[in-house]
Amino acid sequence: MAEIQHDPGHDPGHDTQHDPGHDPGHDPRHIAEAAGALRRALGGLEPSVYGAGDAAALAEVLSLTEKACAAARLLLAARAVACGAHRDEG
């Protein structure tokens, strides 16, 4: 897995109006940490401990999260291709 680091040479004003230093949602490390926390939380999932209502609510929350992750993955993959990351990786 690729290590995520903030690029200090990146000019946030060039392609976004947000400064990664002021908005954790735009710091790639913050997103990677949140994704890792979710994977760890789901790693020990025991569906049998949930009642019907909680199970249904969590299924809906995870469905929305899955859709958000898929959209973000597509946008970031397109950005990586546009920046030539595939050439850098070999």
PDB file of N, CA and C in Angstrom:
ATOM      1  N   MET A   1       0.850  -1.170   0.000  1.00  0.00           N
ATOM      2  CA  MET A   1       0.000   0.000   0.000  1.00  0.00           C
ATOM      3  C   MET A   1       0.897   1.234   0.000  1.00  0.00           C
ATOM      4  N   ALA A   2       0.503   2.235  -0.744  1.00  0.00           N
ATOM      5  CA  ALA A   2       1.265   3.471  -0.831  1.00  0.00           C
ATOM      6  C   ALA A   2       1.158   4.250   0.474  1.00  0.00           C
ATOM      7  N   GLU A   3       2.275   4.832   0.872  1.00  0.00           N
ATOM      8  CA  GLU A   3       2.264   5.670   2.070  1.00  0.00           C
ATOM      9  C   GLU A   3       1.752   7.048   1.690  1.00  0.00           C
ATOM     10  N   ILE A   4       0.869   7.583   2.511  1.00  0.00           N
ATOM     11  CA  ILE A   4       0.265   8.878   2.222  1.00  0.00           C
ATOM     12  C   ILE A   4       1.000   9.955   2.993  1.00  0.00           C
ATOM     13  N   GLN A   5       1.430  10.956   2.275  1.00  0.00           N
ATOM     14  CA  GLN A   5       2.114  12.080   2.890  1.00  0.00           C
ATOM     15  C   GLN A   5       1.575  13.357   2.289  1.00  0.00           C
ATOM     16  N   HIS A   6       1.524  14.381   3.119  1.00  0.00           N
ATOM     17  CA  HIS A   6       1.137  15.702   2.615  1.00  0.00           C
ATOM     18  C   HIS A   6       2.300  16.250   1.814  1.00  0.00           C
ATOM     19  N   ASP A   7       2.031  16.779   0.654  1.00  0.00           N
ATOM     20  CA  ASP A   7       3.061  17.343  -0.211  1.00  0.00           C
ATOM     21  C   ASP A   7       3.281  18.796   0.164  1.00  0.00           C
ATOM     22  N   PRO A   8       4.360  19.122   0.897  1.00  0.00           N
ATOM     23  CA  PRO A   8       4.564  20.506   1.319  1.00  0.00           C
ATOM     24  C   PRO A   8       4.816  21.451   0.150  1.00  0.00           C
ATOM     25  N   GLY A   9       5.187  20.925  -1.008  1.00  0.00           N
ATOM     26  CA  GLY A   9       5.412  21.768  -2.170  1.00  0.00           C
ATOM     27  C   GLY A   9       4.155  22.065  -2.952  1.00  0.00           C
ATOM     28  N   HIS A  10       3.061  21.423  -2.566  1.00  0.00           N
ATOM     29  CA  HIS A  10       1.785  21.626  -3.262  1.00  0.00           C
ATOM     30  C   HIS A  10       1.215  22.992  -2.903  1.00  0.00           C
ATOM     31  N   ASP A  11       0.781  23.704  -3.904  1.00  0.00           N
ATOM     32  CA  ASP A  11       0.165  25.016  -3.697  1.00  0.00           C
ATOM     33  C   ASP A  11      -1.335  24.826  -3.612  1.00  0.00           C
ATOM     34  N   PRO A  12      -1.926  24.886  -2.386  1.00  0.00           N
ATOM     35  CA  PRO A  12      -3.359  24.640  -2.259  1.00  0.00           C
ATOM     36  C   PRO A  12      -4.216  25.589  -3.085  1.00  0.00           C
ATOM     37  N   GLY A  13      -3.766  26.790  -3.337  1.00  0.00           N
ATOM     38  CA  GLY A  13      -4.549  27.736  -4.115  1.00  0.00           C
ATOM     39  C   GLY A  13      -4.577  27.409  -5.589  1.00  0.00           C
ATOM     40  N   HIS A  14      -3.685  26.508  -6.027  1.00  0.00           N
ATOM     41  CA  HIS A  14      -3.601  26.175  -7.444  1.00  0.00           C
ATOM     42  C   HIS A  14      -4.832  25.412  -7.928  1.00  0.00           C
ATOM     43  N   ASP A  15      -5.252  24.398  -7.178  1.00  0.00           N
ATOM     44  CA  ASP A  15      -6.370  23.606  -7.653  1.00  0.00           C
ATOM     45  C   ASP A  15      -7.478  23.429  -6.625  1.00  0.00           C
ATOM     46  N   THR A  16      -7.390  24.092  -5.501  1.00  0.00           N
ATOM     47  CA  THR A  16      -8.443  24.031  -4.507  1.00  0.00           C
ATOM     48  C   THR A  16      -8.438  25.312  -3.694  1.00  0.00           C
ATOM     49  N   GLN A  17      -9.565  25.600  -3.088  1.00  0.00           N
ATOM     50  CA  GLN A  17      -9.653  26.805  -2.277  1.00  0.00           C
ATOM     51  C   GLN A  17      -9.368  26.506  -0.814  1.00  0.00           C
ATOM     52  N   HIS A  18      -9.021  25.253  -0.497  1.00  0.00           N
ATOM     53  CA  HIS A  18      -8.826  24.854   0.883  1.00  0.00           C
ATOM     54  C   HIS A  18      -7.348  24.650   1.182  1.00  0.00           C
ATOM     55  N   ASP A  19      -6.959  25.013   2.383  1.00  0.00           N
ATOM     56  CA  ASP A  19      -5.600  24.791   2.847  1.00  0.00           C
ATOM     57  C   ASP A  19      -5.588  23.503   3.649  1.00  0.00           C
ATOM     58  N   PRO A  20      -4.844  22.480   3.210  1.00  0.00           N
ATOM     59  CA  PRO A  20      -4.837  21.226   3.935  1.00  0.00           C
ATOM     60  C   PRO A  20      -4.450  21.382   5.407  1.00  0.00           C
ATOM     61  N   GLY A  21      -3.696  22.392   5.736  1.00  0.00           N
ATOM     62  CA  GLY A  21      -3.299  22.601   7.116  1.00  0.00           C
ATOM     63  C   GLY A  21      -4.434  23.085   7.995  1.00  0.00           C
ATOM     64  N   HIS A  22      -5.501  23.599   7.409  1.00  0.00           N
ATOM     65  CA  HIS A  22      -6.593  24.144   8.192  1.00  0.00           C
ATOM     66  C   HIS A  22      -7.865  23.306   8.122  1.00  0.00           C
ATOM     67  N   ASP A  23      -7.969  22.399   7.199  1.00  0.00           N
ATOM     68  CA  ASP A  23      -9.161  21.582   7.039  1.00  0.00           C
ATOM     69  C   ASP A  23      -8.737  20.120   6.997  1.00  0.00           C
ATOM     70  N   PRO A  24      -8.923  19.379   8.098  1.00  0.00           N
ATOM     71  CA  PRO A  24      -8.444  17.998   8.116  1.00  0.00           C
ATOM     72  C   PRO A  24      -9.081  17.122   7.049  1.00  0.00           C
ATOM     73  N   GLY A  25     -10.244  17.494   6.543  1.00  0.00           N
ATOM     74  CA  GLY A  25     -10.871  16.720   5.487  1.00  0.00           C
ATOM     75  C   GLY A  25     -10.106  16.767   4.178  1.00  0.00           C
ATOM     76  N   HIS A  26      -9.171  17.707   4.062  1.00  0.00           N
ATOM     77  CA  HIS A  26      -8.378  17.827   2.839  1.00  0.00           C
ATOM     78  C   HIS A  26      -6.939  17.394   3.049  1.00  0.00           C
ATOM     79  N   ASP A  27      -6.641  16.866   4.218  1.00  0.00           N
ATOM     80  CA  ASP A  27      -5.312  16.323   4.494  1.00  0.00           C
ATOM     81  C   ASP A  27      -5.383  14.831   4.198  1.00  0.00           C
ATOM     82  N   PRO A  28      -4.615  14.349   3.230  1.00  0.00           N
ATOM     83  CA  PRO A  28      -4.721  12.932   2.867  1.00  0.00           C
ATOM     84  C   PRO A  28      -4.441  11.998   4.040  1.00  0.00           C
ATOM     85  N   ARG A  29      -3.612  12.421   4.972  1.00  0.00           N
ATOM     86  CA  ARG A  29      -3.333  11.570   6.133  1.00  0.00           C
ATOM     87  C   ARG A  29      -4.577  11.405   6.993  1.00  0.00           C
ATOM     88  N   HIS A  30      -5.365  12.462   7.135  1.00  0.00           N
ATOM     89  CA  HIS A  30      -6.587  12.401   7.940  1.00  0.00           C
ATOM     90  C   HIS A  30      -7.581  11.419   7.320  1.00  0.00           C
ATOM     91  N   ILE A  31      -7.733  11.473   6.020  1.00  0.00           N
ATOM     92  CA  ILE A  31      -8.645  10.567   5.334  1.00  0.00           C
ATOM     93  C   ILE A  31      -8.159   9.126   5.471  1.00  0.00           C
ATOM     94  N   ALA A  32      -6.852   8.901   5.308  1.00  0.00           N
ATOM     95  CA  ALA A  32      -6.294   7.555   5.444  1.00  0.00           C
ATOM     96  C   ALA A  32      -6.473   7.028   6.866  1.00  0.00           C
ATOM     97  N   GLU A  33      -6.286   7.875   7.854  1.00  0.00           N
ATOM     98  CA  GLU A  33      -6.471   7.460   9.251  1.00  0.00           C
ATOM     99  C   GLU A  33      -7.935   7.111   9.524  1.00  0.00           C
ATOM    100  N   ALA A  34      -8.862   7.907   9.003  1.00  0.00           N
ATOM    101  CA  ALA A  34     -10.288   7.631   9.195  1.00  0.00           C
ATOM    102  C   ALA A  34     -10.667   6.311   8.519  1.00  0.00           C
ATOM    103  N   ALA A  35     -10.137   6.063   7.332  1.00  0.00           N
ATOM    104  CA  ALA A  35     -10.419   4.817   6.624  1.00  0.00           C
ATOM    105  C   ALA A  35      -9.867   3.628   7.408  1.00  0.00           C
ATOM    106  N   GLY A  36      -8.665   3.779   7.961  1.00  0.00           N
ATOM    107  CA  GLY A  36      -8.084   2.710   8.769  1.00  0.00           C
ATOM    108  C   GLY A  36      -8.902   2.440  10.020  1.00  0.00           C
ATOM    109  N   ALA A  37      -9.385   3.501  10.654  1.00  0.00           N
ATOM    110  CA  ALA A  37     -10.208   3.335  11.856  1.00  0.00           C
ATOM    111  C   ALA A  37     -11.495   2.572  11.520  1.00  0.00           C
ATOM    112  N   LEU A  38     -12.098   2.876  10.391  1.00  0.00           N
ATOM    113  CA  LEU A  38     -13.312   2.171   9.985  1.00  0.00           C
ATOM    114  C   LEU A  38     -13.010   0.699   9.705  1.00  0.00           C
ATOM    115  N   ARG A  39     -11.905   0.422   8.999  1.00  0.00           N
ATOM    116  CA  ARG A  39     -11.547  -0.971   8.727  1.00  0.00           C
ATOM    117  C   ARG A  39     -11.317  -1.747  10.022  1.00  0.00           C
ATOM    118  N   ARG A  40     -10.647  -1.111  10.994  1.00  0.00           N
ATOM    119  CA  ARG A  40     -10.410  -1.779  12.277  1.00  0.00           C
ATOM    120  C   ARG A  40     -11.726  -2.033  13.006  1.00  0.00           C
ATOM    121  N   ALA A  41     -12.627  -1.062  12.987  1.00  0.00           N
ATOM    122  CA  ALA A  41     -13.922  -1.221  13.657  1.00  0.00           C
ATOM    123  C   ALA A  41     -14.731  -2.346  13.027  1.00  0.00           C
ATOM    124  N   LEU A  42     -14.649  -2.487  11.719  1.00  0.00           N
ATOM    125  CA  LEU A  42     -15.419  -3.512  11.028  1.00  0.00           C
ATOM    126  C   LEU A  42     -14.753  -4.881  11.082  1.00  0.00           C
ATOM    127  N   GLY A  43     -13.465  -4.896  11.381  1.00  0.00           N
ATOM    128  CA  GLY A  43     -12.721  -6.157  11.408  1.00  0.00           C
ATOM    129  C   GLY A  43     -13.258  -7.156  12.416  1.00  0.00           C
ATOM    130  N   GLY A  44     -13.771  -6.692  13.515  1.00  0.00           N
ATOM    131  CA  GLY A  44     -14.294  -7.584  14.536  1.00  0.00           C
ATOM    132  C   GLY A  44     -15.806  -7.593  14.601  1.00  0.00           C
ATOM    133  N   LEU A  45     -16.440  -7.209  13.524  1.00  0.00           N
ATOM    134  CA  LEU A  45     -17.902  -7.107  13.499  1.00  0.00           C
ATOM    135  C   LEU A  45     -18.560  -8.450  13.823  1.00  0.00           C
ATOM    136  N   GLU A  46     -19.475  -8.431  14.767  1.00  0.00           N
ATOM    137  CA  GLU A  46     -20.277  -9.604  15.137  1.00  0.00           C
ATOM    138  C   GLU A  46     -21.756  -9.237  14.956  1.00  0.00           C
ATOM    139  N   PRO A  47     -22.306  -9.498  13.782  1.00  0.00           N
ATOM    140  CA  PRO A  47     -23.691  -9.100  13.506  1.00  0.00           C
ATOM    141  C   PRO A  47     -24.705  -9.632  14.518  1.00  0.00           C
ATOM    142  N   SER A  48     -24.417 -10.767  15.117  1.00  0.00           N
ATOM    143  CA  SER A  48     -25.391 -11.375  16.029  1.00  0.00           C
ATOM    144  C   SER A  48     -25.621 -10.566  17.304  1.00  0.00           C
ATOM    145  N   VAL A  49     -24.748  -9.613  17.609  1.00  0.00           N
ATOM    146  CA  VAL A  49     -24.933  -8.814  18.831  1.00  0.00           C
ATOM    147  C   VAL A  49     -25.873  -7.633  18.612  1.00  0.00           C
ATOM    148  N   TYR A  50     -26.260  -7.386  17.378  1.00  0.00           N
ATOM    149  CA  TYR A  50     -27.119  -6.242  17.066  1.00  0.00           C
ATOM    150  C   TYR A  50     -28.571  -6.664  16.942  1.00  0.00           C
ATOM    151  N   GLY A  51     -29.448  -5.822  17.461  1.00  0.00           N
ATOM    152  CA  GLY A  51     -30.878  -6.018  17.260  1.00  0.00           C
ATOM    153  C   GLY A  51     -31.245  -5.640  15.840  1.00  0.00           C
ATOM    154  N   ALA A  52     -32.456  -5.934  15.456  1.00  0.00           N
ATOM    155  CA  ALA A  52     -32.921  -5.695  14.091  1.00  0.00           C
ATOM    156  C   ALA A  52     -32.792  -4.223  13.699  1.00  0.00           C
ATOM    157  N   GLY A  53     -33.213  -3.324  14.588  1.00  0.00           N
ATOM    158  CA  GLY A  53     -33.172  -1.899  14.268  1.00  0.00           C
ATOM    159  C   GLY A  53     -31.752  -1.375  14.099  1.00  0.00           C
ATOM    160  N   ASP A  54     -30.873  -1.772  15.025  1.00  0.00           N
ATOM    161  CA  ASP A  54     -29.476  -1.330  14.923  1.00  0.00           C
ATOM    162  C   ASP A  54     -28.804  -1.917  13.690  1.00  0.00           C
ATOM    163  N   ALA A  55     -29.082  -3.191  13.398  1.00  0.00           N
ATOM    164  CA  ALA A  55     -28.492  -3.828  12.222  1.00  0.00           C
ATOM    165  C   ALA A  55     -28.927  -3.112  10.944  1.00  0.00           C
ATOM    166  N   ALA A  56     -30.212  -2.792  10.859  1.00  0.00           N
ATOM    167  CA  ALA A  56     -30.723  -2.091   9.677  1.00  0.00           C
ATOM    168  C   ALA A  56     -30.118  -0.689   9.567  1.00  0.00           C
ATOM    169  N   ALA A  57     -30.025   0.009  10.695  1.00  0.00           N
ATOM    170  CA  ALA A  57     -29.461   1.364  10.678  1.00  0.00           C
ATOM    171  C   ALA A  57     -27.990   1.335  10.286  1.00  0.00           C
ATOM    172  N   LEU A  58     -27.237   0.379  10.828  1.00  0.00           N
ATOM    173  CA  LEU A  58     -25.816   0.281  10.475  1.00  0.00           C
ATOM    174  C   LEU A  58     -25.636  -0.118   9.014  1.00  0.00           C
ATOM    175  N   ALA A  59     -26.496  -0.987   8.523  1.00  0.00           N
ATOM    176  CA  ALA A  59     -26.420  -1.369   7.106  1.00  0.00           C
ATOM    177  C   ALA A  59     -26.627  -0.154   6.218  1.00  0.00           C
ATOM    178  N   GLU A  60     -27.565   0.710   6.589  1.00  0.00           N
ATOM    179  CA  GLU A  60     -27.816   1.930   5.810  1.00  0.00           C
ATOM    180  C   GLU A  60     -26.627   2.885   5.897  1.00  0.00           C
ATOM    181  N   VAL A  61     -26.085   3.069   7.084  1.00  0.00           N
ATOM    182  CA  VAL A  61     -24.924   3.943   7.263  1.00  0.00           C
ATOM    183  C   VAL A  61     -23.743   3.432   6.440  1.00  0.00           C
ATOM    184  N   LEU A  62     -23.516   2.125   6.479  1.00  0.00           N
ATOM    185  CA  LEU A  62     -22.404   1.557   5.713  1.00  0.00           C
ATOM    186  C   LEU A  62     -22.650   1.647   4.207  1.00  0.00           C
ATOM    187  N   SER A  63     -23.900   1.544   3.789  1.00  0.00           N
ATOM    188  CA  SER A  63     -24.224   1.702   2.373  1.00  0.00           C
ATOM    189  C   SER A  63     -23.880   3.115   1.900  1.00  0.00           C
ATOM    190  N   LEU A  64     -24.257   4.104   2.695  1.00  0.00           N
ATOM    191  CA  LEU A  64     -23.931   5.494   2.349  1.00  0.00           C
ATOM    192  C   LEU A  64     -22.418   5.718   2.348  1.00  0.00           C
ATOM    193  N   THR A  65     -21.734   5.112   3.306  1.00  0.00           N
ATOM    194  CA  THR A  65     -20.277   5.235   3.384  1.00  0.00           C
ATOM    195  C   THR A  65     -19.616   4.569   2.188  1.00  0.00           C
ATOM    196  N   GLU A  66     -20.121   3.405   1.815  1.00  0.00           N
ATOM    197  CA  GLU A  66     -19.594   2.696   0.644  1.00  0.00           C
ATOM    198  C   GLU A  66     -19.727   3.548  -0.620  1.00  0.00           C
ATOM    199  N   LYS A  67     -20.868   4.181  -0.786  1.00  0.00           N
ATOM    200  CA  LYS A  67     -21.088   5.036  -1.960  1.00  0.00           C
ATOM    201  C   LYS A  67     -20.154   6.246  -1.941  1.00  0.00           C
ATOM    202  N   ALA A  68     -19.969   6.843  -0.771  1.00  0.00           N
ATOM    203  CA  ALA A  68     -19.067   7.992  -0.655  1.00  0.00           C
ATOM    204  C   ALA A  68     -17.631   7.576  -0.959  1.00  0.00           C
ATOM    205  N   CYS A  69     -17.232   6.404  -0.471  1.00  0.00           N
ATOM    206  CA  CYS A  69     -15.879   5.910  -0.739  1.00  0.00           C
ATOM    207  C   CYS A  69     -15.671   5.622  -2.225  1.00  0.00           C
ATOM    208  N   ALA A  70     -16.669   5.026  -2.853  1.00  0.00           N
ATOM    209  CA  ALA A  70     -16.556   4.721  -4.285  1.00  0.00           C
ATOM    210  C   ALA A  70     -16.421   6.000  -5.105  1.00  0.00           C
ATOM    211  N   ALA A  71     -17.212   7.001  -4.773  1.00  0.00           N
ATOM    212  CA  ALA A  71     -17.132   8.280  -5.499  1.00  0.00           C
ATOM    213  C   ALA A  71     -15.772   8.933  -5.281  1.00  0.00           C
ATOM    214  N   ALA A  72     -15.300   8.937  -4.046  1.00  0.00           N
ATOM    215  CA  ALA A  72     -13.996   9.538  -3.748  1.00  0.00           C
ATOM    216  C   ALA A  72     -12.881   8.783  -4.461  1.00  0.00           C
ATOM    217  N   ARG A  73     -12.959   7.454  -4.459  1.00  0.00           N
ATOM    218  CA  ARG A  73     -11.937   6.644  -5.124  1.00  0.00           C
ATOM    219  C   ARG A  73     -11.866   6.984  -6.612  1.00  0.00           C
ATOM    220  N   LEU A  74     -13.016   7.111  -7.267  1.00  0.00           N
ATOM    221  CA  LEU A  74     -13.028   7.439  -8.692  1.00  0.00           C
ATOM    222  C   LEU A  74     -12.446   8.825  -8.959  1.00  0.00           C
ATOM    223  N   LEU A  75     -12.828   9.793  -8.139  1.00  0.00           N
ATOM    224  CA  LEU A  75     -12.303  11.150  -8.314  1.00  0.00           C
ATOM    225  C   LEU A  75     -10.795  11.200  -8.100  1.00  0.00           C
ATOM    226  N   LEU A  76     -10.322  10.507  -7.080  1.00  0.00           N
ATOM    227  CA  LEU A  76      -8.886  10.517  -6.790  1.00  0.00           C
ATOM    228  C   LEU A  76      -8.095   9.734  -7.832  1.00  0.00           C
ATOM    229  N   ALA A  77      -8.662   8.652  -8.345  1.00  0.00           N
ATOM    230  CA  ALA A  77      -7.984   7.906  -9.407  1.00  0.00           C
ATOM    231  C   ALA A  77      -7.858   8.759 -10.660  1.00  0.00           C
ATOM    232  N   ALA A  78      -8.919   9.485 -10.989  1.00  0.00           N
ATOM    233  CA  ALA A  78      -8.864  10.375 -12.155  1.00  0.00           C
ATOM    234  C   ALA A  78      -7.816  11.469 -11.948  1.00  0.00           C
ATOM    235  N   ARG A  79      -7.743  11.999 -10.735  1.00  0.00           N
ATOM    236  CA  ARG A  79      -6.739  13.033 -10.434  1.00  0.00           C
ATOM    237  C   ARG A  79      -5.334  12.457 -10.569  1.00  0.00           C
ATOM    238  N   ALA A  80      -5.120  11.243 -10.047  1.00  0.00           N
ATOM    239  CA  ALA A  80      -3.803  10.610 -10.131  1.00  0.00           C
ATOM    240  C   ALA A  80      -3.385  10.394 -11.586  1.00  0.00           C
ATOM    241  N   VAL A  81      -4.331   9.942 -12.409  1.00  0.00           N
ATOM    242  CA  VAL A  81      -4.040   9.734 -13.828  1.00  0.00           C
ATOM    243  C   VAL A  81      -3.730  11.078 -14.493  1.00  0.00           C
ATOM    244  N   ALA A  82      -4.528  12.081 -14.195  1.00  0.00           N
ATOM    245  CA  ALA A  82      -4.307  13.418 -14.793  1.00  0.00           C
ATOM    246  C   ALA A  82      -2.947  13.980 -14.418  1.00  0.00           C
ATOM    247  N   CYS A  83      -2.459  13.618 -13.249  1.00  0.00           N
ATOM    248  CA  CYS A  83      -1.151  14.106 -12.789  1.00  0.00           C
ATOM    249  C   CYS A  83      -0.013  13.209 -13.217  1.00  0.00           C
ATOM    250  N   GLY A  84      -0.320  12.108 -13.879  1.00  0.00           N
ATOM    251  CA  GLY A  84       0.725  11.206 -14.363  1.00  0.00           C
ATOM    252  C   GLY A  84       1.282  10.259 -13.322  1.00  0.00           C
ATOM    253  N   ALA A  85       0.530   9.976 -12.269  1.00  0.00           N
ATOM    254  CA  ALA A  85       1.033   9.098 -11.215  1.00  0.00           C
ATOM    255  C   ALA A  85       1.380   7.715 -11.752  1.00  0.00           C
ATOM    256  N   HIS A  86       0.658   7.261 -12.764  1.00  0.00           N
ATOM    257  CA  HIS A  86       0.930   5.960 -13.337  1.00  0.00           C
ATOM    258  C   HIS A  86       2.326   5.909 -13.970  1.00  0.00           C
ATOM    259  N   ARG A  87       2.827   7.044 -14.436  1.00  0.00           N
ATOM    260  CA  ARG A  87       4.190   7.093 -14.992  1.00  0.00           C
ATOM    261  C   ARG A  87       5.217   7.056 -13.869  1.00  0.00           C
ATOM    262  N   ASP A  88       4.899   7.673 -12.745  1.00  0.00           N
ATOM    263  CA  ASP A  88       5.828   7.699 -11.610  1.00  0.00           C
ATOM    264  C   ASP A  88       5.967   6.324 -10.965  1.00  0.00           C
ATOM    265  N   GLU A  89       4.877   5.551 -10.955  1.00  0.00           N
ATOM    266  CA  GLU A  89       4.862   4.246 -10.308  1.00  0.00           C
ATOM    267  C   GLU A  89       5.541   3.169 -11.154  1.00  0.00           C
ATOM    268  N   GLY A  90       5.628   3.399 -12.461  1.00  0.00           N
ATOM    269  CA  GLY A  90       6.281   2.443 -13.337  1.00  0.00           C
ATOM    270  C   GLY A  90       5.348   1.549 -13.959  1.00  0.00           C
TER     271      GLY A  90
END
